Amino acid sequence: MASRGISDGWIAALYGISAVVSAGVLIKGTMDAVDSWVLGGVIGIVITLTTLPVCLLLRRVAMDSADTGLQDLQRSIELLQENMVLSDDARRVLNRKKEGTLLRSAIEEDIRLGDWDAAMVLVRELAERFGYRTDAEAFRARVDAARSSTVHQQVADEIAGLDQLIASGQWDAGYAEAARITRVYHESHAVEGLRHRVEAERERYKHELERRFLVAAHEERVDEAMALLHEMDEYLTEQEGAQYQEVARGVIGKARENLGAQFKLALHDRAWDRAESVGQQILEEFPNTRMANEIRGMIDTIRQRARGVTR
C-alpha cells in the first residue's frame, strides 16, 4: 500500500509539473507574441491531456493485477490451512482420484516386471481401500493370465533341465531337483509326480542294464559283461542281485581266465608294459585269487623291466 501511495504521488507530481510548464510556456509565448513559444505550450498541454488517461488506465490495470495476485495468494494460504486441519481420511477422500491413478500405474509396472505378488497386493488395495472393484477384478484377471503364461514356460524349462539329469543317469541330483521344482512351483499341476518320474526312469534304466548284461554274458562278451556287472552293483539290492549270481560267477570266471591268459602271453612276449597293466588289473579285480598272489611276487620285477631297469 505504501508503494502504491508513492507511485500515485509521483504520477500526480509529474503531471502537475508538466501542466505548469506547458501553461508557462503558453503564457510566455502569448505575452511575447512569439509563435514558437505559443505552439510549444499548446503541444505540451495537448500531450499532457492525452497521455493522462492512458497512464491512469495502465495504473488501474496494474492495481487490478496486483489485487488478483494477492487474492490468489490468499486463497492458496487458506487452502493450505484447510488441508492442515483435515484428517488423514479426509485428505484421502479429496486425493482419491489422483491416488487411484498412481495405484493403477504401479500395478501396470509390476505386471510388466513380472512381480505378481506385489501386483496382487496393490490390486487388493485398489479394491478394498479405494473401492474400484471393477478395475481391481480386471487387473486381477490380467495378473493371473500373465503369471500363468510365465510360470508355464518357467516350469517347462525346469522340467527340461530335470530330464537332462535323468538322461545322464544323475539320479541323486534328479531327486533333489524334482523336490526343488515341486517346492517352488507347487501351484502348478505340471510339477505333480516329478519324484515318481525320476524313480520310474531309474527303474527303467535298471531293467535295461540287467537285460544288456544277460545278452553280453550269453554272447560271451566278457569285458562288456564285467563292466555292466560293476554298474549293476549300484542299482541292485542284495536280494535282486541273487538271481544273477550264477551268471555273474560264469562271467567273472571267464574274465579271470582271460586276464590270466593275457598276463601269461605278455610275459612270454616280454611285453613288460602290457604285463604290468594286466597284472595290476588282476590285483585290483581278483585280489584274493592264487593268480593274484603269484603276481604280487613278480610285479616289482615286471615294473623295473617295463622302465628299462635291469639287475
C-alpha atoms as a PDB file:
ATOM      1  CA  MET A   1       0.000   0.000   0.000  1.00  0.00           C
ATOM      2  CA  ALA A   2       2.895   2.405   0.759  1.00  0.00           C
ATOM      3  CA  SER A   3       4.437   1.700  -2.644  1.00  0.00           C
ATOM      4  CA  ARG A   4       1.095   2.359  -4.300  1.00  0.00           C
ATOM      5  CA  GLY A   5       0.847   5.750  -2.488  1.00  0.00           C
ATOM      6  CA  ILE A   6       4.340   6.673  -3.653  1.00  0.00           C
ATOM      7  CA  SER A   7       3.509   5.695  -7.242  1.00  0.00           C
ATOM      8  CA  ASP A   8       0.317   7.767  -7.170  1.00  0.00           C
ATOM      9  CA  GLY A   9       2.225  10.760  -5.718  1.00  0.00           C
ATOM     10  CA  TRP A  10       4.888  10.578  -8.421  1.00  0.00           C
ATOM     11  CA  ILE A  11       2.293  10.388 -11.176  1.00  0.00           C
ATOM     12  CA  ALA A  12       0.414  13.406  -9.804  1.00  0.00           C
ATOM     13  CA  ALA A  13       3.653  15.390  -9.351  1.00  0.00           C
ATOM     14  CA  LEU A  14       4.881  14.628 -12.846  1.00  0.00           C
ATOM     15  CA  TYR A  15       1.617  15.619 -14.458  1.00  0.00           C
ATOM     16  CA  GLY A  16       1.399  18.756 -12.291  1.00  0.00           C
ATOM     17  CA  ILE A  17       4.873  19.816 -13.349  1.00  0.00           C
ATOM     18  CA  SER A  18       4.063  19.020 -16.979  1.00  0.00           C
ATOM     19  CA  ALA A  19       0.880  21.079 -16.846  1.00  0.00           C
ATOM     20  CA  VAL A  20       2.589  24.051 -15.124  1.00  0.00           C
ATOM     21  CA  VAL A  21       5.498  24.042 -17.566  1.00  0.00           C
ATOM     22  CA  SER A  22       3.165  23.818 -20.554  1.00  0.00           C
ATOM     23  CA  ALA A  23       0.993  26.637 -19.216  1.00  0.00           C
ATOM     24  CA  GLY A  24       4.040  28.805 -18.521  1.00  0.00           C
ATOM     25  CA  VAL A  25       5.359  28.270 -21.999  1.00  0.00           C
ATOM     26  CA  LEU A  26       1.961  29.168 -23.439  1.00  0.00           C
ATOM     27  CA  ILE A  27       1.686  32.395 -21.328  1.00  0.00           C
ATOM     28  CA  LYS A  28       5.223  33.460 -22.182  1.00  0.00           C
ATOM     29  CA  GLY A  29       4.559  32.924 -25.841  1.00  0.00           C
ATOM     30  CA  THR A  30       1.376  34.966 -25.658  1.00  0.00           C
ATOM     31  CA  MET A  31       2.973  37.833 -23.777  1.00  0.00           C
ATOM     32  CA  ASP A  32       5.987  37.940 -26.077  1.00  0.00           C
ATOM     33  CA  ALA A  33       3.857  37.306 -29.155  1.00  0.00           C
ATOM     34  CA  VAL A  34       6.282  34.528 -30.179  1.00  0.00           C
ATOM     35  CA  ASP A  35       4.538  31.870 -32.227  1.00  0.00           C
ATOM     36  CA  SER A  36       7.010  29.154 -31.423  1.00  0.00           C
ATOM     37  CA  TRP A  37       6.547  29.538 -27.709  1.00  0.00           C
ATOM     38  CA  VAL A  38       2.753  29.538 -28.129  1.00  0.00           C
ATOM     39  CA  LEU A  39       2.953  26.437 -30.266  1.00  0.00           C
ATOM     40  CA  GLY A  40       5.217  24.698 -27.746  1.00  0.00           C
ATOM     41  CA  GLY A  41       2.868  25.491 -24.880  1.00  0.00           C
ATOM     42  CA  VAL A  42      -0.133  24.203 -26.783  1.00  0.00           C
ATOM     43  CA  ILE A  43       1.669  20.974 -27.708  1.00  0.00           C
ATOM     44  CA  GLY A  44       2.735  20.428 -24.092  1.00  0.00           C
ATOM     45  CA  ILE A  45      -0.822  20.845 -22.834  1.00  0.00           C
ATOM     46  CA  VAL A  46      -2.163  18.541 -25.530  1.00  0.00           C
ATOM     47  CA  ILE A  47       0.403  15.850 -24.704  1.00  0.00           C
ATOM     48  CA  THR A  48      -0.337  16.158 -21.015  1.00  0.00           C
ATOM     49  CA  LEU A  49      -4.076  15.890 -21.547  1.00  0.00           C
ATOM     50  CA  THR A  50      -3.838  12.935 -23.991  1.00  0.00           C
ATOM     51  CA  THR A  51      -1.380  10.814 -22.033  1.00  0.00           C
ATOM     52  CA  LEU A  52      -3.048  11.304 -18.689  1.00  0.00           C
ATOM     53  CA  PRO A  53      -5.951   8.890 -19.390  1.00  0.00           C
ATOM     54  CA  VAL A  54      -3.520   6.258 -20.721  1.00  0.00           C
ATOM     55  CA  CYS A  55      -1.369   6.431 -17.627  1.00  0.00           C
ATOM     56  CA  LEU A  56      -4.416   6.306 -15.416  1.00  0.00           C
ATOM     57  CA  LEU A  57      -5.647   3.206 -17.318  1.00  0.00           C
ATOM     58  CA  LEU A  58      -2.271   1.450 -17.008  1.00  0.00           C
ATOM     59  CA  ARG A  59      -2.222   2.307 -13.340  1.00  0.00           C
ATOM     60  CA  ARG A  60      -5.672   0.747 -12.952  1.00  0.00           C
ATOM     61  CA  VAL A  61      -4.597  -2.439 -14.760  1.00  0.00           C
ATOM     62  CA  ALA A  62      -1.501  -2.747 -12.556  1.00  0.00           C
ATOM     63  CA  MET A  63      -3.619  -2.265  -9.463  1.00  0.00           C
ATOM     64  CA  ASP A  64      -6.099  -4.940 -10.621  1.00  0.00           C
ATOM     65  CA  SER A  65      -3.235  -7.390 -11.402  1.00  0.00           C
ATOM     66  CA  ALA A  66      -1.707  -6.820  -8.001  1.00  0.00           C
ATOM     67  CA  ASP A  67      -5.083  -7.335  -6.365  1.00  0.00           C
ATOM     68  CA  THR A  68      -5.579 -10.601  -8.334  1.00  0.00           C
ATOM     69  CA  GLY A  69      -2.158 -11.906  -7.265  1.00  0.00           C
ATOM     70  CA  LEU A  70      -2.878 -11.077  -3.667  1.00  0.00           C
ATOM     71  CA  GLN A  71      -6.241 -12.796  -3.898  1.00  0.00           C
ATOM     72  CA  ASP A  72      -4.663 -15.975  -5.396  1.00  0.00           C
ATOM     73  CA  LEU A  73      -2.013 -15.998  -2.683  1.00  0.00           C
ATOM     74  CA  GLN A  74      -4.682 -15.552  -0.026  1.00  0.00           C
ATOM     75  CA  ARG A  75      -6.744 -18.446  -1.456  1.00  0.00           C
ATOM     76  CA  SER A  76      -3.643 -20.715  -1.533  1.00  0.00           C
ATOM     77  CA  ILE A  77      -2.893 -19.898   2.096  1.00  0.00           C
ATOM     78  CA  GLU A  78      -6.488 -20.593   3.080  1.00  0.00           C
ATOM     79  CA  LEU A  79      -6.438 -23.937   1.190  1.00  0.00           C
ATOM     80  CA  LEU A  80      -3.186 -24.910   2.893  1.00  0.00           C
ATOM     81  CA  GLN A  81      -4.668 -24.088   6.271  1.00  0.00           C
ATOM     82  CA  GLU A  82      -7.740 -26.151   5.465  1.00  0.00           C
ATOM     83  CA  ASN A  83      -5.613 -29.149   4.441  1.00  0.00           C
ATOM     84  CA  MET A  84      -3.545 -28.884   7.610  1.00  0.00           C
ATOM     85  CA  VAL A  85      -6.593 -29.228   9.798  1.00  0.00           C
ATOM     86  CA  LEU A  86      -8.087 -32.065   7.726  1.00  0.00           C
ATOM     87  CA  SER A  87      -7.738 -35.634   8.997  1.00  0.00           C
ATOM     88  CA  ASP A  88      -5.863 -38.303   7.034  1.00  0.00           C
ATOM     89  CA  ASP A  89      -9.134 -39.890   5.964  1.00  0.00           C
ATOM     90  CA  ALA A  90     -10.495 -36.559   4.752  1.00  0.00           C
ATOM     91  CA  ARG A  91      -7.351 -35.860   2.722  1.00  0.00           C
ATOM     92  CA  ARG A  92      -7.538 -39.363   1.288  1.00  0.00           C
ATOM     93  CA  VAL A  93     -11.065 -38.696   0.097  1.00  0.00           C
ATOM     94  CA  LEU A  94     -10.007 -35.430  -1.531  1.00  0.00           C
ATOM     95  CA  ASN A  95      -6.993 -37.093  -3.233  1.00  0.00           C
ATOM     96  CA  ARG A  96      -8.807 -40.343  -4.022  1.00  0.00           C
ATOM     97  CA  LYS A  97      -8.817 -39.935  -7.788  1.00  0.00           C
ATOM     98  CA  LYS A  98      -5.148 -38.958  -8.003  1.00  0.00           C
ATOM     99  CA  GLU A  99      -4.029 -41.792  -5.718  1.00  0.00           C
ATOM    100  CA  GLY A 100      -6.165 -44.253  -7.684  1.00  0.00           C
ATOM    101  CA  THR A 101      -4.406 -43.217 -10.883  1.00  0.00           C
ATOM    102  CA  LEU A 102      -0.985 -43.638  -9.265  1.00  0.00           C
ATOM    103  CA  LEU A 103      -2.009 -47.046  -7.934  1.00  0.00           C
ATOM    104  CA  ARG A 104      -3.077 -48.220 -11.389  1.00  0.00           C
ATOM    105  CA  SER A 105       0.268 -47.109 -12.819  1.00  0.00           C
ATOM    106  CA  ALA A 106       2.095 -49.050 -10.105  1.00  0.00           C
ATOM    107  CA  ILE A 107       0.097 -52.195 -10.883  1.00  0.00           C
ATOM    108  CA  GLU A 108       0.898 -51.848 -14.583  1.00  0.00           C
ATOM    109  CA  GLU A 109       4.612 -51.593 -13.719  1.00  0.00           C
ATOM    110  CA  ASP A 110       4.513 -54.702 -11.509  1.00  0.00           C
ATOM    111  CA  ILE A 111       2.798 -56.655 -14.290  1.00  0.00           C
ATOM    112  CA  ARG A 112       5.477 -55.539 -16.754  1.00  0.00           C
ATOM    113  CA  LEU A 113       8.246 -56.614 -14.363  1.00  0.00           C
ATOM    114  CA  GLY A 114       6.553 -59.917 -13.536  1.00  0.00           C
ATOM    115  CA  ASP A 115       6.290 -59.085  -9.824  1.00  0.00           C
ATOM    116  CA  TRP A 116       2.976 -60.900  -9.400  1.00  0.00           C
ATOM    117  CA  ASP A 117       2.778 -60.920  -5.601  1.00  0.00           C
ATOM    118  CA  ALA A 118       3.397 -57.180  -5.358  1.00  0.00           C
ATOM    119  CA  ALA A 119       0.829 -56.548  -8.087  1.00  0.00           C
ATOM    120  CA  MET A 120      -1.821 -58.562  -6.226  1.00  0.00           C
ATOM    121  CA  VAL A 121      -1.189 -56.583  -3.030  1.00  0.00           C
ATOM    122  CA  LEU A 122      -1.870 -53.359  -4.921  1.00  0.00           C
ATOM    123  CA  VAL A 123      -4.930 -54.884  -6.607  1.00  0.00           C
ATOM    124  CA  ARG A 124      -6.431 -55.653  -3.194  1.00  0.00           C
ATOM    125  CA  GLU A 125      -5.600 -52.097  -2.120  1.00  0.00           C
ATOM    126  CA  LEU A 126      -7.375 -50.724  -5.197  1.00  0.00           C
ATOM    127  CA  ALA A 127     -10.495 -52.714  -4.395  1.00  0.00           C
ATOM    128  CA  GLU A 128     -10.688 -52.505  -0.612  1.00  0.00           C
ATOM    129  CA  ARG A 129      -9.244 -49.093   0.146  1.00  0.00           C
ATOM    130  CA  PHE A 130     -10.395 -47.093  -2.871  1.00  0.00           C
ATOM    131  CA  GLY A 131     -13.473 -49.073  -3.861  1.00  0.00           C
ATOM    132  CA  TYR A 132     -12.547 -49.558  -7.537  1.00  0.00           C
ATOM    133  CA  ARG A 133     -13.638 -53.198  -7.530  1.00  0.00           C
ATOM    134  CA  THR A 134     -14.374 -53.428 -11.238  1.00  0.00           C
ATOM    135  CA  ASP A 135     -10.925 -52.159 -12.141  1.00  0.00           C
ATOM    136  CA  ALA A 136      -9.397 -54.413  -9.495  1.00  0.00           C
ATOM    137  CA  GLU A 137     -11.051 -57.519 -10.970  1.00  0.00           C
ATOM    138  CA  ALA A 138      -9.797 -56.595 -14.436  1.00  0.00           C
ATOM    139  CA  PHE A 139      -6.256 -56.221 -13.086  1.00  0.00           C
ATOM    140  CA  ARG A 140      -6.594 -59.496 -11.164  1.00  0.00           C
ATOM    141  CA  ALA A 141      -7.512 -61.334 -14.370  1.00  0.00           C
ATOM    142  CA  ARG A 142      -4.531 -59.808 -16.174  1.00  0.00           C
ATOM    143  CA  VAL A 143      -2.136 -60.742 -13.377  1.00  0.00           C
ATOM    144  CA  ASP A 144      -3.432 -64.332 -13.279  1.00  0.00           C
ATOM    145  CA  ALA A 145      -3.146 -64.702 -17.056  1.00  0.00           C
ATOM    146  CA  ALA A 146       0.361 -63.229 -17.192  1.00  0.00           C
ATOM    147  CA  ARG A 147       1.513 -65.282 -14.199  1.00  0.00           C
ATOM    148  CA  SER A 148       0.077 -68.475 -15.684  1.00  0.00           C
ATOM    149  CA  SER A 149       1.786 -67.933 -19.032  1.00  0.00           C
ATOM    150  CA  THR A 150       5.140 -67.060 -17.498  1.00  0.00           C
ATOM    151  CA  VAL A 151       5.079 -69.800 -14.873  1.00  0.00           C
ATOM    152  CA  HIS A 152       4.081 -72.366 -17.505  1.00  0.00           C
ATOM    153  CA  GLN A 153       7.186 -71.531 -19.528  1.00  0.00           C
ATOM    154  CA  GLN A 154       9.388 -71.499 -16.427  1.00  0.00           C
ATOM    155  CA  VAL A 155       8.110 -74.908 -15.333  1.00  0.00           C
ATOM    156  CA  ALA A 156       8.688 -76.295 -18.831  1.00  0.00           C
ATOM    157  CA  ASP A 157      12.287 -75.058 -18.748  1.00  0.00           C
ATOM    158  CA  GLU A 158      12.862 -76.508 -15.266  1.00  0.00           C
ATOM    159  CA  ILE A 159      11.471 -79.907 -16.270  1.00  0.00           C
ATOM    160  CA  ALA A 160      13.663 -79.892 -19.394  1.00  0.00           C
ATOM    161  CA  GLY A 161      16.685 -79.453 -17.112  1.00  0.00           C
ATOM    162  CA  LEU A 162      15.456 -82.316 -14.928  1.00  0.00           C
ATOM    163  CA  ASP A 163      15.140 -84.553 -17.993  1.00  0.00           C
ATOM    164  CA  GLN A 164      18.789 -83.855 -18.812  1.00  0.00           C
ATOM    165  CA  LEU A 165      19.807 -85.090 -15.370  1.00  0.00           C
ATOM    166  CA  ILE A 166      17.691 -88.202 -15.865  1.00  0.00           C
ATOM    167  CA  ALA A 167      19.163 -88.853 -19.314  1.00  0.00           C
ATOM    168  CA  SER A 168      22.701 -88.674 -17.902  1.00  0.00           C
ATOM    169  CA  GLY A 169      21.819 -91.050 -15.046  1.00  0.00           C
ATOM    170  CA  GLN A 170      22.376 -88.454 -12.284  1.00  0.00           C
ATOM    171  CA  TRP A 171      19.678 -89.905 -10.085  1.00  0.00           C
ATOM    172  CA  ASP A 172      20.564 -88.254  -6.767  1.00  0.00           C
ATOM    173  CA  ALA A 173      20.759 -84.843  -8.432  1.00  0.00           C
ATOM    174  CA  GLY A 174      17.492 -85.649 -10.196  1.00  0.00           C
ATOM    175  CA  TYR A 175      15.690 -86.406  -6.909  1.00  0.00           C
ATOM    176  CA  ALA A 176      16.965 -83.157  -5.404  1.00  0.00           C
ATOM    177  CA  GLU A 177      15.962 -81.133  -8.463  1.00  0.00           C
ATOM    178  CA  ALA A 178      12.489 -82.695  -8.565  1.00  0.00           C
ATOM    179  CA  ALA A 179      11.957 -81.748  -4.925  1.00  0.00           C
ATOM    180  CA  ARG A 180      13.119 -78.167  -5.541  1.00  0.00           C
ATOM    181  CA  ILE A 181      10.871 -77.674  -8.566  1.00  0.00           C
ATOM    182  CA  THR A 182       7.909 -79.040  -6.634  1.00  0.00           C
ATOM    183  CA  ARG A 183       8.525 -76.608  -3.769  1.00  0.00           C
ATOM    184  CA  VAL A 184       8.984 -73.539  -5.968  1.00  0.00           C
ATOM    185  CA  TYR A 185       6.082 -74.222  -8.356  1.00  0.00           C
ATOM    186  CA  HIS A 186       3.758 -76.065  -6.001  1.00  0.00           C
ATOM    187  CA  GLU A 187       0.694 -74.360  -7.516  1.00  0.00           C
ATOM    188  CA  SER A 188       1.383 -75.799 -10.976  1.00  0.00           C
ATOM    189  CA  HIS A 189      -0.187 -79.124 -11.901  1.00  0.00           C
ATOM    190  CA  ALA A 190       2.769 -79.827 -14.205  1.00  0.00           C
ATOM    191  CA  VAL A 191       5.094 -80.497 -11.234  1.00  0.00           C
ATOM    192  CA  GLU A 192       2.928 -83.211  -9.743  1.00  0.00           C
ATOM    193  CA  GLY A 193       4.688 -86.580  -9.575  1.00  0.00           C
ATOM    194  CA  LEU A 194       8.156 -85.383 -10.565  1.00  0.00           C
ATOM    195  CA  ARG A 195       9.856 -87.621  -7.988  1.00  0.00           C
ATOM    196  CA  HIS A 196       7.862 -90.575  -9.316  1.00  0.00           C
ATOM    197  CA  ARG A 197       9.090 -89.592 -12.774  1.00  0.00           C
ATOM    198  CA  VAL A 198      12.707 -89.867 -11.633  1.00  0.00           C
ATOM    199  CA  GLU A 199      12.033 -93.175  -9.870  1.00  0.00           C
ATOM    200  CA  ALA A 200      10.292 -94.626 -12.938  1.00  0.00           C
ATOM    201  CA  GLU A 201      13.174 -93.630 -15.227  1.00  0.00           C
ATOM    202  CA  ARG A 202      15.717 -95.080 -12.805  1.00  0.00           C
ATOM    203  CA  GLU A 203      13.792 -98.353 -12.634  1.00  0.00           C
ATOM    204  CA  ARG A 204      13.520 -98.487 -16.427  1.00  0.00           C
ATOM    205  CA  TYR A 205      17.277 -97.936 -16.765  1.00  0.00           C
ATOM    206  CA  LYS A 206      17.984-100.664 -14.200  1.00  0.00           C
ATOM    207  CA  HIS A 207      15.907-103.208 -16.136  1.00  0.00           C
ATOM    208  CA  GLU A 208      17.654-102.221 -19.361  1.00  0.00           C
ATOM    209  CA  LEU A 209      21.009-102.666 -17.621  1.00  0.00           C
ATOM    210  CA  GLU A 210      20.065-106.174 -16.499  1.00  0.00           C
ATOM    211  CA  ARG A 211      18.950-107.132 -19.991  1.00  0.00           C
ATOM    212  CA  ARG A 212      22.180-105.860 -21.567  1.00  0.00           C
ATOM    213  CA  PHE A 213      24.245-107.819 -19.004  1.00  0.00           C
ATOM    214  CA  LEU A 214      22.462-111.067 -19.749  1.00  0.00           C
ATOM    215  CA  VAL A 215      22.859-110.590 -23.508  1.00  0.00           C
ATOM    216  CA  ALA A 216      26.582-109.800 -23.168  1.00  0.00           C
ATOM    217  CA  ALA A 217      27.135-112.802 -20.907  1.00  0.00           C
ATOM    218  CA  HIS A 218      25.228-115.087 -23.285  1.00  0.00           C
ATOM    219  CA  GLU A 219      27.288-113.878 -26.247  1.00  0.00           C
ATOM    220  CA  GLU A 220      30.479-114.233 -24.147  1.00  0.00           C
ATOM    221  CA  ARG A 221      31.386-110.580 -24.497  1.00  0.00           C
ATOM    222  CA  VAL A 222      33.199-110.848 -21.207  1.00  0.00           C
ATOM    223  CA  ASP A 223      34.663-107.345 -20.930  1.00  0.00           C
ATOM    224  CA  GLU A 224      31.316-105.711 -21.638  1.00  0.00           C
ATOM    225  CA  ALA A 225      29.527-108.091 -19.263  1.00  0.00           C
ATOM    226  CA  MET A 226      32.027-107.301 -16.488  1.00  0.00           C
ATOM    227  CA  ALA A 227      31.572-103.535 -16.972  1.00  0.00           C
ATOM    228  CA  LEU A 228      27.798-103.953 -16.830  1.00  0.00           C
ATOM    229  CA  LEU A 229      28.115-106.166 -13.748  1.00  0.00           C
ATOM    230  CA  HIS A 230      30.056-103.429 -11.917  1.00  0.00           C
ATOM    231  CA  GLU A 231      27.415-100.855 -12.854  1.00  0.00           C
ATOM    232  CA  MET A 232      24.604-103.145 -11.706  1.00  0.00           C
ATOM    233  CA  ASP A 233      26.085-103.162  -8.202  1.00  0.00           C
ATOM    234  CA  GLU A 234      24.898 -99.533  -7.845  1.00  0.00           C
ATOM    235  CA  TYR A 235      21.278-100.415  -8.672  1.00  0.00           C
ATOM    236  CA  LEU A 236      20.569-103.917  -7.336  1.00  0.00           C
ATOM    237  CA  THR A 237      19.840-104.807  -3.755  1.00  0.00           C
ATOM    238  CA  GLU A 238      21.344-107.972  -2.341  1.00  0.00           C
ATOM    239  CA  GLN A 239      18.105-109.850  -2.972  1.00  0.00           C
ATOM    240  CA  GLU A 240      17.823-108.565  -6.525  1.00  0.00           C
ATOM    241  CA  GLY A 241      21.427-109.448  -7.287  1.00  0.00           C
ATOM    242  CA  ALA A 242      20.991-113.031  -6.026  1.00  0.00           C
ATOM    243  CA  GLN A 243      19.204-114.084  -9.225  1.00  0.00           C
ATOM    244  CA  TYR A 244      22.270-113.155 -11.280  1.00  0.00           C
ATOM    245  CA  GLN A 245      24.870-114.849  -9.083  1.00  0.00           C
ATOM    246  CA  GLU A 246      25.288-117.905 -11.262  1.00  0.00           C
ATOM    247  CA  VAL A 247      25.643-115.890 -14.456  1.00  0.00           C
ATOM    248  CA  ALA A 248      27.956-113.467 -12.681  1.00  0.00           C
ATOM    249  CA  ARG A 249      30.194-116.310 -11.485  1.00  0.00           C
ATOM    250  CA  GLY A 250      30.495-117.567 -15.035  1.00  0.00           C
ATOM    251  CA  VAL A 251      31.319-114.104 -16.345  1.00  0.00           C
ATOM    252  CA  ILE A 252      33.791-113.463 -13.550  1.00  0.00           C
ATOM    253  CA  GLY A 253      35.461-116.847 -14.092  1.00  0.00           C
ATOM    254  CA  LYS A 254      35.829-116.198 -17.797  1.00  0.00           C
ATOM    255  CA  ALA A 255      37.109-112.691 -17.149  1.00  0.00           C
ATOM    256  CA  ARG A 256      39.701-114.068 -14.696  1.00  0.00           C
ATOM    257  CA  GLU A 257      40.762-116.734 -17.165  1.00  0.00           C
ATOM    258  CA  ASN A 258      41.032-114.196 -19.960  1.00  0.00           C
ATOM    259  CA  LEU A 259      43.145-111.858 -17.827  1.00  0.00           C
ATOM    260  CA  GLY A 260      45.350-114.764 -16.740  1.00  0.00           C
ATOM    261  CA  ALA A 261      45.890-115.774 -20.363  1.00  0.00           C
ATOM    262  CA  GLN A 262      46.664-112.172 -21.343  1.00  0.00           C
ATOM    263  CA  PHE A 263      49.173-111.871 -18.482  1.00  0.00           C
ATOM    264  CA  LYS A 264      50.987-115.082 -19.380  1.00  0.00           C
ATOM    265  CA  LEU A 265      51.084-114.091 -23.068  1.00  0.00           C
ATOM    266  CA  ALA A 266      52.587-110.702 -22.165  1.00  0.00           C
ATOM    267  CA  LEU A 267      55.300-112.404 -20.085  1.00  0.00           C
ATOM    268  CA  HIS A 268      56.027-114.808 -22.909  1.00  0.00           C
ATOM    269  CA  ASP A 269      56.366-111.939 -25.381  1.00  0.00           C
ATOM    270  CA  ARG A 270      58.426-109.954 -22.845  1.00  0.00           C
ATOM    271  CA  ALA A 271      55.902-107.123 -23.295  1.00  0.00           C
ATOM    272  CA  TRP A 272      56.590-105.752 -19.840  1.00  0.00           C
ATOM    273  CA  ASP A 273      54.320-102.686 -20.144  1.00  0.00           C
ATOM    274  CA  ARG A 274      51.328-104.869 -21.063  1.00  0.00           C
ATOM    275  CA  ALA A 275      52.246-107.415 -18.403  1.00  0.00           C
ATOM    276  CA  GLU A 276      52.370-104.665 -15.773  1.00  0.00           C
ATOM    277  CA  SER A 277      48.940-103.280 -16.838  1.00  0.00           C
ATOM    278  CA  VAL A 278      47.199-106.670 -16.914  1.00  0.00           C
ATOM    279  CA  GLY A 279      48.859-107.752 -13.668  1.00  0.00           C
ATOM    280  CA  GLN A 280      47.677-104.583 -11.913  1.00  0.00           C
ATOM    281  CA  GLN A 281      44.116-105.204 -13.187  1.00  0.00           C
ATOM    282  CA  ILE A 282      44.170-108.744 -11.791  1.00  0.00           C
ATOM    283  CA  LEU A 283      45.364-107.451  -8.409  1.00  0.00           C
ATOM    284  CA  GLU A 284      42.502-104.926  -8.288  1.00  0.00           C
ATOM    285  CA  GLU A 285      39.659-107.111  -9.564  1.00  0.00           C
ATOM    286  CA  PHE A 286      40.676-110.519  -8.180  1.00  0.00           C
ATOM    287  CA  PRO A 287      42.832-109.727  -5.150  1.00  0.00           C
ATOM    288  CA  ASN A 288      42.066-112.963  -3.264  1.00  0.00           C
ATOM    289  CA  THR A 289      42.919-115.448  -6.010  1.00  0.00           C
ATOM    290  CA  ARG A 290      46.009-117.641  -6.311  1.00  0.00           C
ATOM    291  CA  MET A 291      46.845-115.852  -9.535  1.00  0.00           C
ATOM    292  CA  ALA A 292      46.920-112.515  -7.672  1.00  0.00           C
ATOM    293  CA  ASN A 293      49.300-113.961  -5.048  1.00  0.00           C
ATOM    294  CA  GLU A 294      51.669-115.128  -7.795  1.00  0.00           C
ATOM    295  CA  ILE A 295      51.615-111.752  -9.489  1.00  0.00           C
ATOM    296  CA  ARG A 296      52.448-109.955  -6.228  1.00  0.00           C
ATOM    297  CA  GLY A 297      55.694-111.931  -6.074  1.00  0.00           C
ATOM    298  CA  MET A 298      56.834-110.725  -9.510  1.00  0.00           C
ATOM    299  CA  ILE A 299      55.120-107.374 -10.085  1.00  0.00           C
ATOM    300  CA  ASP A 300      58.103-105.305  -8.860  1.00  0.00           C
ATOM    301  CA  THR A 301      60.462-107.046 -11.279  1.00  0.00           C
ATOM    302  CA  ILE A 302      57.958-106.559 -14.122  1.00  0.00           C
ATOM    303  CA  ARG A 303      57.720-102.831 -13.312  1.00  0.00           C
ATOM    304  CA  GLN A 304      61.507-102.456 -13.326  1.00  0.00           C
ATOM    305  CA  ARG A 305      61.792-104.160 -16.717  1.00  0.00           C
ATOM    306  CA  ALA A 306      58.906-102.047 -18.052  1.00  0.00           C
ATOM    307  CA  ARG A 307      61.009 -98.992 -17.183  1.00  0.00           C
ATOM    308  CA  GLY A 308      64.181-100.467 -18.634  1.00  0.00           C
ATOM    309  CA  VAL A 309      65.798-101.157 -15.281  1.00  0.00           C
ATOM    310  CA  THR A 310      67.731-104.493 -15.162  1.00  0.00           C
ATOM    311  CA  ARG A 311      69.729-106.249 -12.477  1.00  0.00           C
END
